[in-house]
Amino acid sequence: MAAPQLKPGTSWTETYARCVRAAPEAFTPDRLLNLVRGEWRAVGTPGEHTTPLDGTAIPGPPRIGVEEAEAAVAFAIEQHAVWSRVPLDERKARVAAAVEGLAEQRDLLALLLVWEIGKPWRLACADVDRALDGVRWYLEEIDRQLAGRTPLPGPVSNIASWNYPMSVQVHAELVQLLAGNAVVAKTPSQGGFHCLTLAHTVMHRAGLPVTLLSGQGGQIGDALIRSAGLGALAFVGGRANGRKAATTLADLNRRHFLEQEGLNTWGVWDYSDWPALGAHLKKGFEYAKQRCTAYPRYVVQRSLFPAFLDTYLGVLDELRFGHPLAVAAPGDPLPDLDFGPVIHAAKAAELRAHFDAAVAARAVPLRRGSLADGLFLPGQSLDAYLAPAAVLDPPASWALQHSEPFGPLDSIALVDTEAELLAAMNAGNGSLVASLATDDPAFADRVGPDLLAFKVGINKPRSRGDRDEVFGGLGASWKGAFVGGDLLVQAVTYGKDGADEKLYGNFPSYSLYPPR
């Protein structure tokens, strides 16, 4: 049998050359540019970066300093003053033009996601498609959504994670623009900057007031969060950085929505439909669980553990992982993998260390998969890859008892009472989603409302959602306004009460929850 080979036409050199041809104003042969002060400029210092796919060196984000960041924000504030007065019909036309321009670059955007952040081809395409389909929905609904509402007094500043550059970040920016706000966006340091550069080239060509810059958060964070004249902060990331942003915002009374990590859990109690659960568990491994709504923790009634384990280990046996661009023959389609690498080699090493720490503290090692089961190119670096792994009953002191791994490392806790199940499912002090697998509707009605999750699924997973579905988090997983559907438009506009409007969300002085 022939060794796997890289799909012809998909190498990084060929992919980057396509970017230079498609967007020469933003990509030079050896570096990316920043979109600041209304133009693509060769400012900032390009850093070194490697793709998680195989360790290939690729151009890194061109990091600017605080003075350039302050100048970029000041220019965006001037842009906002003009854009906020542009009639809605004109805003819709320009956003629609951007969406169609992005659709023309769909395959290149997806291929960049494969190389930059390791998404398998199917999932990379889905990320782009979800962004475009979501904005098309807002284009149909925005007249109704903006009735009686006005743009914010300044642009929206976006600081987002690396894992969903299109369906989270670009999607949110286009809705913010549609609502009458200029936008400032920082590229994630760990990946996604090439995809965002191409996307913002298209958006800029459509006449949208967008700023895209790169930099170290510790150096330019204040400019993106505290600058006088900004209208709102949109943040997606971990709790540590989210807390810093919230602290910086504390005295500004500025609109914000901070989506932070949460330990999402499945609870299993009085349950029998194992094939259905198995299907949900398999889908949950997509993209190596590197998303905010992944379920890395299972809390299982002890008497059901044998049946659960049979189902769970069967799912692990079916998973396909490896290099997303490896094929057996040149004419073969790209492989339909569940996941590729994690975001970088350091993350893979961290997760291996977490597994070892749990076992050293007397957790039961249920599965430590082998990379020999993956699909890889001969001789490629495997440093950023991790086979599925799971531990049973890790100790209370384990670092991942209260935070998400962001990789294919699961933990399972056994419980004997409803109280134990509830305590174990709420160990993370708030989450975005949770689910219960149960045959007992009364149990679900009794326990579901006490779970510290924004969305609770009964015999199904919950997700971030699209179009009219709202999204938020409970406890430490979310700060500020909730988003999704009409709530996203409300979060980036003012109603009749202006800055004093009481929005749905988690705020320092109150929490208000929409129907979920």
Protein backbone atom coordinates (compact mmCIF):
# COMPACT_ATOMS: atom_id res chain seq x y z
CA MET A 1 0.00 0.00 0.00
CA ALA A 2 1.39 3.41 -1.02
CA ALA A 3 2.35 5.86 1.71
CA PRO A 4 0.04 8.87 2.15
CA GLN A 5 1.04 12.03 0.31
CA LEU A 6 0.10 15.70 0.48
CA LYS A 7 -2.86 16.47 -1.74
CA PRO A 8 -1.47 18.20 -4.85
CA GLY A 9 -2.13 21.93 -4.90
CA THR A 10 -2.57 22.24 -1.13
CA SER A 11 0.99 22.85 0.09
CA TRP A 12 1.62 25.90 2.26
CA THR A 13 3.79 27.47 -0.46
CA GLU A 14 0.97 27.13 -3.00
CA THR A 15 -1.66 28.28 -0.51
CA TYR A 16 0.26 31.42 0.43
CA ALA A 17 0.99 32.18 -3.23
CA ARG A 18 -2.77 32.09 -3.85
CA CYS A 19 -3.22 34.65 -1.07
CA VAL A 20 -0.62 36.96 -2.64
CA ARG A 21 -2.44 36.74 -5.97
CA ALA A 22 -5.91 37.19 -4.45
CA ALA A 23 -5.01 40.05 -2.09
CA PRO A 24 -1.68 41.65 -3.04
CA GLU A 25 -2.50 44.75 -1.00
CA ALA A 26 -2.47 42.67 2.22
CA PHE A 27 -0.03 39.81 1.52
CA THR A 28 3.54 40.39 0.36
CA PRO A 29 5.77 37.47 -0.63
CA ASP A 30 7.33 37.37 2.84
CA ARG A 31 4.95 39.01 5.32
CA LEU A 32 1.40 40.02 6.21
CA LEU A 33 0.35 43.65 6.53
CA ASN A 34 -1.88 45.37 9.07
CA LEU A 35 -5.07 47.17 8.05
CA VAL A 36 -4.71 50.38 10.04
CA ARG A 37 -5.59 54.02 9.42
CA GLY A 38 -7.65 53.04 6.39
CA GLU A 39 -4.92 51.19 4.48
CA TRP A 40 -2.88 48.00 4.46
CA ARG A 41 0.47 49.05 5.89
CA ALA A 42 3.81 47.34 6.47
CA VAL A 43 3.91 48.30 10.13
CA GLY A 44 4.74 46.01 13.02
CA THR A 45 7.31 43.30 13.45
CA PRO A 46 6.47 39.93 11.83
CA GLY A 47 6.95 37.13 14.32
CA GLU A 48 7.93 33.54 13.80
CA HIS A 49 5.14 31.00 13.57
CA THR A 50 4.75 27.32 12.76
CA THR A 51 1.68 25.53 11.52
CA PRO A 52 0.40 22.74 13.79
CA LEU A 53 -0.09 20.52 10.73
CA ASP A 54 3.55 19.58 10.35
CA GLY A 55 5.71 22.25 11.98
CA THR A 56 6.20 24.19 8.73
CA ALA A 57 7.38 27.77 9.26
CA ILE A 58 4.80 30.32 8.06
CA PRO A 59 4.68 34.13 8.28
CA GLY A 60 3.62 35.19 11.74
CA PRO A 61 1.38 38.08 12.80
CA PRO A 62 3.01 41.52 12.25
CA ARG A 63 2.84 42.83 15.82
CA ILE A 64 2.49 46.55 16.29
CA GLY A 65 3.25 48.61 19.39
CA VAL A 66 1.04 50.74 21.57
CA GLU A 67 1.49 54.00 19.60
CA GLU A 68 0.39 52.43 16.32
CA ALA A 69 -2.52 50.70 18.10
CA GLU A 70 -3.68 53.99 19.58
CA ALA A 71 -3.47 55.66 16.16
CA ALA A 72 -5.44 52.79 14.59
CA VAL A 73 -8.19 53.08 17.20
CA ALA A 74 -8.33 56.87 16.83
CA PHE A 75 -8.80 56.49 13.06
CA ALA A 76 -11.51 53.87 13.61
CA ILE A 77 -13.34 56.30 15.87
CA GLU A 78 -13.30 58.85 13.05
CA GLN A 79 -14.56 56.18 10.64
CA HIS A 80 -17.37 55.33 13.04
CA ALA A 81 -18.61 58.93 13.09
CA VAL A 82 -19.11 58.74 9.32
CA TRP A 83 -20.34 55.14 9.07
CA SER A 84 -22.96 55.50 11.80
CA ARG A 85 -24.73 58.09 9.60
CA VAL A 86 -24.72 55.94 6.44
CA PRO A 87 -28.30 54.87 5.61
CA LEU A 88 -29.19 51.29 6.44
CA ASP A 89 -29.85 50.37 2.81
CA GLU A 90 -26.31 51.39 1.88
CA ARG A 91 -24.85 49.47 4.83
CA LYS A 92 -26.81 46.39 3.77
CA ALA A 93 -25.54 46.68 0.20
CA ARG A 94 -21.90 46.87 1.30
CA VAL A 95 -22.18 44.02 3.79
CA ALA A 96 -23.95 41.91 1.15
CA ALA A 97 -21.13 42.68 -1.29
CA ALA A 98 -18.61 41.57 1.33
CA VAL A 99 -20.49 38.33 1.91
CA GLU A 100 -20.50 37.52 -1.79
CA GLY A 101 -16.81 38.41 -2.04
CA LEU A 102 -16.05 36.07 0.85
CA ALA A 103 -18.10 33.35 -0.82
CA GLU A 104 -15.86 33.67 -3.90
CA GLN A 105 -12.82 33.07 -1.66
CA ARG A 106 -14.51 30.29 0.34
CA ASP A 107 -12.13 27.47 -0.54
CA LEU A 108 -9.00 29.55 0.03
CA LEU A 109 -10.32 30.79 3.39
CA ALA A 110 -11.03 27.18 4.38
CA LEU A 111 -7.60 25.98 3.26
CA LEU A 112 -5.99 28.70 5.39
CA LEU A 113 -7.95 27.40 8.38
CA VAL A 114 -6.59 23.92 7.70
CA TRP A 115 -2.99 25.14 7.67
CA GLU A 116 -3.21 27.72 10.43
CA ILE A 117 -5.29 26.01 13.09
CA GLY A 118 -5.46 22.39 11.95
CA LYS A 119 -9.12 22.08 11.03
CA PRO A 120 -10.03 19.12 8.82
CA TRP A 121 -11.32 20.24 5.44
CA ARG A 122 -14.99 19.51 6.12
CA LEU A 123 -14.96 21.49 9.37
CA ALA A 124 -12.97 24.35 7.86
CA CYS A 125 -15.54 24.70 5.07
CA ALA A 126 -18.32 24.60 7.66
CA ASP A 127 -16.68 27.46 9.60
CA VAL A 128 -16.70 29.67 6.52
CA ASP A 129 -20.19 28.64 5.43
CA ARG A 130 -21.69 29.25 8.89
CA ALA A 131 -20.28 32.77 8.91
CA LEU A 132 -21.73 33.64 5.52
CA ASP A 133 -25.11 31.97 6.05
CA GLY A 134 -25.44 33.66 9.44
CA VAL A 135 -24.80 37.13 8.04
CA ARG A 136 -27.25 36.50 5.21
CA TRP A 137 -29.89 35.83 7.87
CA TYR A 138 -29.12 39.15 9.55
CA LEU A 139 -29.37 40.94 6.21
CA GLU A 140 -32.95 39.68 6.00
CA GLU A 141 -33.80 40.58 9.61
CA ILE A 142 -31.87 43.78 10.27
CA ASP A 143 -34.64 46.26 9.39
CA ARG A 144 -36.84 44.76 12.09
CA GLN A 145 -33.98 44.37 14.54
CA LEU A 146 -32.89 48.02 14.25
CA ALA A 147 -36.36 49.54 14.65
CA GLY A 148 -36.03 52.25 17.31
CA ARG A 149 -32.31 51.59 17.80
CA THR A 150 -29.17 53.56 16.94
CA PRO A 151 -25.48 52.69 16.56
CA LEU A 152 -23.18 52.86 19.55
CA PRO A 153 -21.27 56.12 20.16
CA GLY A 154 -18.04 54.48 18.98
CA PRO A 155 -16.63 51.44 17.17
CA VAL A 156 -16.70 47.89 18.50
CA SER A 157 -13.32 46.45 19.52
CA ASN A 158 -13.00 42.70 18.87
CA ILE A 159 -10.52 40.44 20.65
CA ALA A 160 -11.27 36.85 19.69
CA SER A 161 -9.87 33.37 20.08
CA TRP A 162 -8.13 31.47 17.29
CA ASN A 163 -10.49 28.54 16.93
CA TYR A 164 -13.37 30.05 14.89
CA PRO A 165 -12.02 33.04 12.93
CA MET A 166 -14.90 33.06 10.47
CA SER A 167 -18.08 31.79 12.14
CA VAL A 168 -17.42 33.73 15.37
CA GLN A 169 -15.17 36.72 14.66
CA VAL A 170 -15.90 37.72 11.04
CA HIS A 171 -19.58 36.89 11.52
CA ALA A 172 -19.80 39.17 14.57
CA GLU A 173 -17.92 41.98 12.85
CA LEU A 174 -20.21 41.97 9.82
CA VAL A 175 -23.28 42.18 12.06
CA GLN A 176 -21.66 45.02 14.02
CA LEU A 177 -21.03 46.84 10.76
CA LEU A 178 -24.56 46.19 9.56
CA ALA A 179 -25.84 47.77 12.78
CA GLY A 180 -23.92 50.97 12.02
CA ASN A 181 -20.65 50.52 13.89
CA ALA A 182 -17.09 50.66 12.64
CA VAL A 183 -15.01 47.73 13.90
CA VAL A 184 -11.51 47.16 15.22
CA ALA A 185 -10.24 43.57 15.36
CA LYS A 186 -7.09 42.06 16.81
CA THR A 187 -5.78 38.88 15.23
CA PRO A 188 -5.33 35.94 17.63
CA SER A 189 -1.66 35.27 18.39
CA GLN A 190 -1.96 31.48 18.06
CA GLY A 191 -3.45 31.28 14.59
CA GLY A 192 -6.10 32.52 12.19
CA PHE A 193 -4.31 35.71 11.13
CA HIS A 194 -3.88 34.67 7.49
CA CYS A 195 -7.55 33.78 7.17
CA LEU A 196 -8.58 37.02 8.87
CA THR A 197 -6.25 39.03 6.64
CA LEU A 198 -7.86 37.60 3.51
CA ALA A 199 -11.37 38.10 4.92
CA HIS A 200 -10.69 41.71 5.88
CA THR A 201 -9.23 42.41 2.45
CA VAL A 202 -12.60 41.49 1.00
CA MET A 203 -14.45 43.51 3.64
CA HIS A 204 -12.25 46.56 3.05
CA ARG A 205 -12.75 46.34 -0.72
CA ALA A 206 -16.51 46.41 -0.12
CA GLY A 207 -16.14 49.82 1.53
CA LEU A 208 -16.59 48.67 5.13
CA PRO A 209 -14.83 50.60 7.94
CA VAL A 210 -12.68 47.78 9.32
CA THR A 211 -9.36 47.80 11.16
CA LEU A 212 -7.29 44.62 11.56
CA LEU A 213 -4.12 44.64 13.60
CA SER A 214 -1.78 42.25 15.37
CA GLY A 215 0.05 42.70 18.64
CA GLN A 216 0.80 41.37 22.09
CA GLY A 217 -2.26 41.73 24.32
CA GLY A 218 -0.13 42.87 27.24
CA GLN A 219 1.22 45.76 25.16
CA ILE A 220 -1.77 46.99 23.16
CA GLY A 221 -4.65 45.68 25.29
CA ASP A 222 -5.39 49.02 26.92
CA ALA A 223 -5.66 50.72 23.52
CA LEU A 224 -8.23 48.12 22.41
CA ILE A 225 -10.20 48.15 25.65
CA ARG A 226 -9.87 51.51 27.39
CA SER A 227 -9.43 54.04 24.57
CA ALA A 228 -11.85 56.93 24.95
CA GLY A 229 -14.37 56.84 22.14
CA LEU A 230 -14.74 53.07 21.78
CA GLY A 231 -18.33 51.89 21.90
CA ALA A 232 -18.00 48.27 23.03
CA LEU A 233 -15.66 45.36 23.62
CA ALA A 234 -16.35 41.90 22.17
CA PHE A 235 -14.06 39.27 23.70
CA VAL A 236 -13.78 35.51 23.20
CA GLY A 237 -11.13 33.65 25.16
CA GLY A 238 -10.04 32.15 28.43
CA ARG A 239 -11.06 33.20 31.91
CA ALA A 240 -7.69 34.65 32.90
CA ASN A 241 -7.62 37.13 30.02
CA GLY A 242 -11.36 37.70 30.37
CA ARG A 243 -10.92 38.71 34.00
CA LYS A 244 -8.19 41.17 33.01
CA ALA A 245 -10.47 42.70 30.37
CA ALA A 246 -13.38 42.93 32.82
CA THR A 247 -11.17 44.60 35.41
CA THR A 248 -9.94 47.10 32.82
CA LEU A 249 -13.55 47.88 31.85
CA ALA A 250 -14.81 48.19 35.43
CA ASP A 251 -14.91 51.99 35.62
CA LEU A 252 -15.91 52.73 32.03
CA ASN A 253 -19.59 51.73 31.95
CA ARG A 254 -18.97 50.52 28.40
CA ARG A 255 -20.92 47.90 26.48
CA HIS A 256 -19.17 44.56 26.55
CA PHE A 257 -19.69 40.84 26.01
CA LEU A 258 -16.95 38.56 27.25
CA GLU A 259 -17.35 34.91 26.29
CA GLN A 260 -15.05 32.86 28.53
CA GLU A 261 -14.32 29.19 28.89
CA GLY A 262 -16.51 26.82 30.92
CA LEU A 263 -16.29 23.16 31.85
CA ASN A 264 -19.25 21.78 29.87
CA THR A 265 -20.50 18.40 31.13
CA TRP A 266 -22.76 15.49 30.18
CA GLY A 267 -24.64 13.91 33.07
CA VAL A 268 -25.87 10.30 32.63
CA TRP A 269 -28.63 9.02 34.94
CA ASP A 270 -31.29 6.32 34.52
CA TYR A 271 -30.49 6.02 30.82
CA SER A 272 -30.73 3.27 28.20
CA ASP A 273 -30.47 4.65 24.62
CA TRP A 274 -26.74 4.04 24.19
CA PRO A 275 -26.64 4.13 20.37
CA ALA A 276 -28.10 7.66 20.44
CA LEU A 277 -25.60 8.80 23.05
CA GLY A 278 -22.77 7.21 21.08
CA ALA A 279 -23.66 9.27 18.00
CA HIS A 280 -23.63 12.47 20.07
CA LEU A 281 -20.30 11.56 21.68
CA LYS A 282 -18.65 10.90 18.31
CA LYS A 283 -19.75 14.24 16.88
CA GLY A 284 -18.49 15.89 20.04
CA PHE A 285 -14.90 14.99 19.14
CA GLU A 286 -14.96 17.18 16.02
CA TYR A 287 -11.99 19.51 15.86
CA ALA A 288 -10.40 17.72 18.84
CA LYS A 289 -12.89 19.40 21.19
CA GLN A 290 -11.19 22.75 20.59
CA ARG A 291 -14.36 24.79 20.86
CA CYS A 292 -16.20 26.59 23.60
CA THR A 293 -19.19 24.22 23.52
CA ALA A 294 -17.25 20.94 23.62
CA TYR A 295 -18.06 18.38 26.33
CA PRO A 296 -14.82 17.10 27.92
CA ARG A 297 -16.37 15.84 31.18
CA TYR A 298 -18.91 13.08 31.86
CA VAL A 299 -20.65 12.51 35.18
CA VAL A 300 -22.10 9.00 35.19
CA GLN A 301 -24.36 7.09 37.56
CA ARG A 302 -22.14 4.31 38.91
CA SER A 303 -24.53 1.49 38.06
CA LEU A 304 -24.55 2.64 34.40
CA PHE A 305 -20.78 2.79 34.05
CA PRO A 306 -20.32 -0.59 32.28
CA ALA A 307 -22.82 0.34 29.56
CA PHE A 308 -21.44 3.87 29.28
CA LEU A 309 -17.87 2.58 29.01
CA ASP A 310 -18.77 0.13 26.24
CA THR A 311 -20.37 2.97 24.30
CA TYR A 312 -17.62 5.48 24.97
CA LEU A 313 -14.70 3.22 24.09
CA GLY A 314 -16.54 2.12 20.95
CA VAL A 315 -16.72 5.77 19.91
CA LEU A 316 -12.99 6.24 20.49
CA ASP A 317 -12.29 3.22 18.30
CA GLU A 318 -14.20 4.85 15.42
CA LEU A 319 -12.48 8.23 15.51
CA ARG A 320 -10.36 9.25 12.53
CA PHE A 321 -7.58 11.74 13.09
CA GLY A 322 -4.37 12.85 11.44
CA HIS A 323 -3.01 15.23 8.79
CA PRO A 324 -6.04 16.92 7.15
CA LEU A 325 -4.38 17.10 3.71
CA ALA A 326 -2.96 13.56 3.49
CA VAL A 327 -4.32 11.35 0.70
CA ALA A 328 -3.46 7.91 -0.66
CA ALA A 329 -3.46 9.03 -4.30
CA PRO A 330 -3.38 12.47 -5.97
CA GLY A 331 -6.93 12.20 -7.24
CA ASP A 332 -8.44 11.20 -3.91
CA PRO A 333 -10.68 13.63 -2.03
CA LEU A 334 -9.35 15.12 1.19
CA PRO A 335 -9.90 12.76 4.15
CA ASP A 336 -13.04 13.08 6.25
CA LEU A 337 -11.34 13.30 9.64
CA ASP A 338 -12.83 13.99 13.03
CA PHE A 339 -9.82 16.05 13.98
CA GLY A 340 -6.24 16.96 13.13
CA PRO A 341 -3.66 18.49 15.47
CA VAL A 342 -4.31 20.63 18.52
CA ILE A 343 -3.35 24.27 18.12
CA HIS A 344 0.38 23.86 18.77
CA ALA A 345 2.98 21.44 20.06
CA ALA A 346 3.10 23.06 23.50
CA LYS A 347 -0.62 22.38 23.94
CA ALA A 348 -0.19 18.72 23.04
CA ALA A 349 2.66 18.42 25.55
CA GLU A 350 0.55 20.16 28.20
CA LEU A 351 -2.32 17.72 27.72
CA ARG A 352 0.01 14.72 27.90
CA ALA A 353 1.34 16.12 31.19
CA HIS A 354 -2.22 16.56 32.50
CA PHE A 355 -2.93 12.91 31.73
CA ASP A 356 0.23 11.80 33.52
CA ALA A 357 -0.57 14.00 36.53
CA ALA A 358 -4.06 12.53 36.86
CA VAL A 359 -2.75 8.95 36.73
CA ALA A 360 0.05 9.74 39.19
CA ALA A 361 -2.64 10.97 41.57
CA ARG A 362 -4.46 7.60 41.27
CA ALA A 363 -6.96 8.34 38.51
CA VAL A 364 -7.72 5.30 36.35
CA PRO A 365 -6.27 5.58 32.82
CA LEU A 366 -9.19 4.41 30.68
CA ARG A 367 -7.59 5.13 27.32
CA ARG A 368 -4.34 6.58 26.07
CA GLY A 369 -4.61 6.41 22.33
CA SER A 370 -1.69 5.92 19.98
CA LEU A 371 -0.64 8.21 17.15
CA ALA A 372 0.03 5.01 15.20
CA ASP A 373 -3.72 4.94 14.59
CA GLY A 374 -3.65 8.31 12.80
CA LEU A 375 -3.25 9.26 9.14
CA PHE A 376 0.09 10.99 8.61
CA LEU A 377 2.64 11.81 5.95
CA PRO A 378 5.96 9.96 6.05
CA GLY A 379 8.45 11.77 8.26
CA GLN A 380 6.20 14.67 9.21
CA SER A 381 6.36 16.26 12.66
CA LEU A 382 3.74 14.84 15.03
CA ASP A 383 4.51 17.24 17.89
CA ALA A 384 1.09 18.95 17.81
CA TYR A 385 -0.96 15.75 17.55
CA LEU A 386 -2.66 13.95 20.40
CA ALA A 387 -4.61 10.70 20.20
CA PRO A 388 -7.84 10.51 22.25
CA ALA A 389 -7.28 9.94 25.96
CA ALA A 390 -9.52 9.59 29.01
CA VAL A 391 -9.17 9.22 32.77
CA LEU A 392 -11.66 7.95 35.34
CA ASP A 393 -12.21 9.71 38.69
CA PRO A 394 -9.28 12.13 38.64
CA PRO A 395 -8.47 13.69 42.02
CA ALA A 396 -10.14 16.89 43.19
CA SER A 397 -6.76 18.64 42.95
CA TRP A 398 -6.36 17.86 39.23
CA ALA A 399 -6.01 21.06 37.18
CA LEU A 400 -8.69 20.01 34.67
CA GLN A 401 -11.32 19.33 37.33
CA HIS A 402 -12.34 22.97 37.05
CA SER A 403 -11.24 24.08 33.58
CA GLU A 404 -11.56 22.79 30.04
CA PRO A 405 -8.66 20.97 28.37
CA PHE A 406 -9.34 22.30 24.84
CA GLY A 407 -8.17 19.01 23.39
CA PRO A 408 -9.17 15.32 23.15
CA LEU A 409 -8.58 14.54 26.84
CA ASP A 410 -11.76 13.55 28.70
CA SER A 411 -12.50 12.90 32.34
CA ILE A 412 -15.27 10.73 33.77
CA ALA A 413 -16.63 10.97 37.30
CA LEU A 414 -18.86 8.32 38.91
CA VAL A 415 -21.65 9.33 41.28
CA ASP A 416 -24.30 7.58 43.35
CA THR A 417 -26.81 10.31 44.18
CA GLU A 418 -28.50 13.21 42.44
CA ALA A 419 -26.73 15.62 44.78
CA GLU A 420 -23.35 14.19 43.82
CA LEU A 421 -24.22 14.44 40.14
CA LEU A 422 -25.25 18.06 40.47
CA ALA A 423 -22.11 18.99 42.42
CA ALA A 424 -19.85 17.24 39.91
CA MET A 425 -21.55 18.86 36.93
CA ASN A 426 -21.25 22.32 38.48
CA ALA A 427 -17.60 21.95 39.49
CA GLY A 428 -16.43 24.47 36.90
CA ASN A 429 -18.33 27.46 38.39
CA GLY A 430 -20.43 28.12 35.35
CA SER A 431 -20.47 26.95 31.75
CA LEU A 432 -21.93 27.71 28.36
CA VAL A 433 -23.71 24.38 27.84
CA ALA A 434 -24.54 21.16 29.67
CA SER A 435 -26.57 18.06 28.85
CA LEU A 436 -28.40 15.29 30.66
CA ALA A 437 -28.85 11.79 29.24
CA THR A 438 -31.84 10.27 31.02
CA ASP A 439 -35.00 8.24 30.43
CA ASP A 440 -36.67 10.02 33.36
CA PRO A 441 -38.33 13.33 32.38
CA ALA A 442 -39.04 14.11 36.04
CA PHE A 443 -35.33 13.83 36.82
CA ALA A 444 -34.50 16.21 33.97
CA ASP A 445 -37.12 18.70 35.14
CA ARG A 446 -35.77 18.49 38.67
CA VAL A 447 -32.02 18.72 37.96
CA GLY A 448 -31.84 20.74 34.76
CA PRO A 449 -32.71 24.14 36.27
CA ASP A 450 -29.95 23.77 38.88
CA LEU A 451 -27.16 23.25 36.35
CA LEU A 452 -24.88 26.28 36.02
CA ALA A 453 -25.10 26.34 32.23
CA PHE A 454 -26.69 28.86 29.88
CA LYS A 455 -28.13 26.10 27.70
CA VAL A 456 -29.13 22.65 28.93
CA GLY A 457 -29.83 19.79 26.55
CA ILE A 458 -31.95 16.78 27.44
CA ASN A 459 -30.72 13.70 25.53
CA LYS A 460 -28.95 15.97 23.05
CA PRO A 461 -25.99 18.35 23.05
CA ARG A 462 -26.31 22.11 22.93
CA SER A 463 -24.21 24.40 20.79
CA ARG A 464 -23.46 28.04 20.25
CA GLY A 465 -26.26 28.19 17.73
CA ASP A 466 -26.87 30.25 14.62
CA ARG A 467 -29.26 32.88 13.36
CA ASP A 468 -32.06 33.47 15.89
CA GLU A 469 -30.61 31.33 18.70
CA VAL A 470 -29.38 33.29 21.72
CA PHE A 471 -26.06 32.53 23.40
CA GLY A 472 -24.40 33.27 26.72
CA GLY A 473 -22.99 31.68 29.83
CA LEU A 474 -23.61 31.33 33.54
CA GLY A 475 -21.24 31.97 36.41
CA ALA A 476 -17.65 32.75 35.44
CA SER A 477 -18.14 31.65 31.82
CA TRP A 478 -19.65 34.95 30.65
CA LYS A 479 -19.55 38.64 31.49
CA GLY A 480 -21.69 41.35 29.95
CA ALA A 481 -24.43 41.22 27.31
CA PHE A 482 -25.66 37.94 25.87
CA VAL A 483 -25.61 37.61 22.08
CA GLY A 484 -27.12 35.59 19.24
CA GLY A 485 -30.13 36.50 17.13
CA ASP A 486 -31.74 39.79 18.11
CA LEU A 487 -29.57 39.98 21.22
CA LEU A 488 -26.38 40.47 19.19
CA VAL A 489 -27.90 43.52 17.46
CA GLN A 490 -29.17 44.87 20.78
CA ALA A 491 -25.71 44.45 22.33
CA VAL A 492 -24.12 46.71 19.68
CA THR A 493 -26.83 49.37 19.46
CA TYR A 494 -28.66 51.74 21.80
CA GLY A 495 -32.40 51.69 22.45
CA LYS A 496 -34.43 54.60 23.74
CA ASP A 497 -32.68 54.48 27.14
CA GLY A 498 -29.23 54.70 25.57
CA ALA A 499 -26.35 53.55 27.75
CA ASP A 500 -28.79 52.92 30.63
CA GLU A 501 -30.74 50.28 28.70
CA LYS A 502 -31.10 47.05 30.66
CA LEU A 503 -29.88 44.26 28.39
CA TYR A 504 -30.00 40.51 28.87
CA GLY A 505 -26.67 39.44 30.32
CA ASN A 506 -24.38 39.02 33.34
CA PHE A 507 -23.39 42.43 34.63
CA PRO A 508 -21.73 43.58 37.87
CA SER A 509 -25.02 44.99 39.18
CA TYR A 510 -27.51 42.47 37.80
CA SER A 511 -28.10 39.31 35.75
CA LEU A 512 -31.05 39.02 33.38
CA TYR A 513 -31.72 35.85 31.40
CA PRO A 514 -33.81 35.47 28.23
CA PRO A 515 -35.98 32.43 27.60
CA ARG A 516 -33.61 29.56 26.71
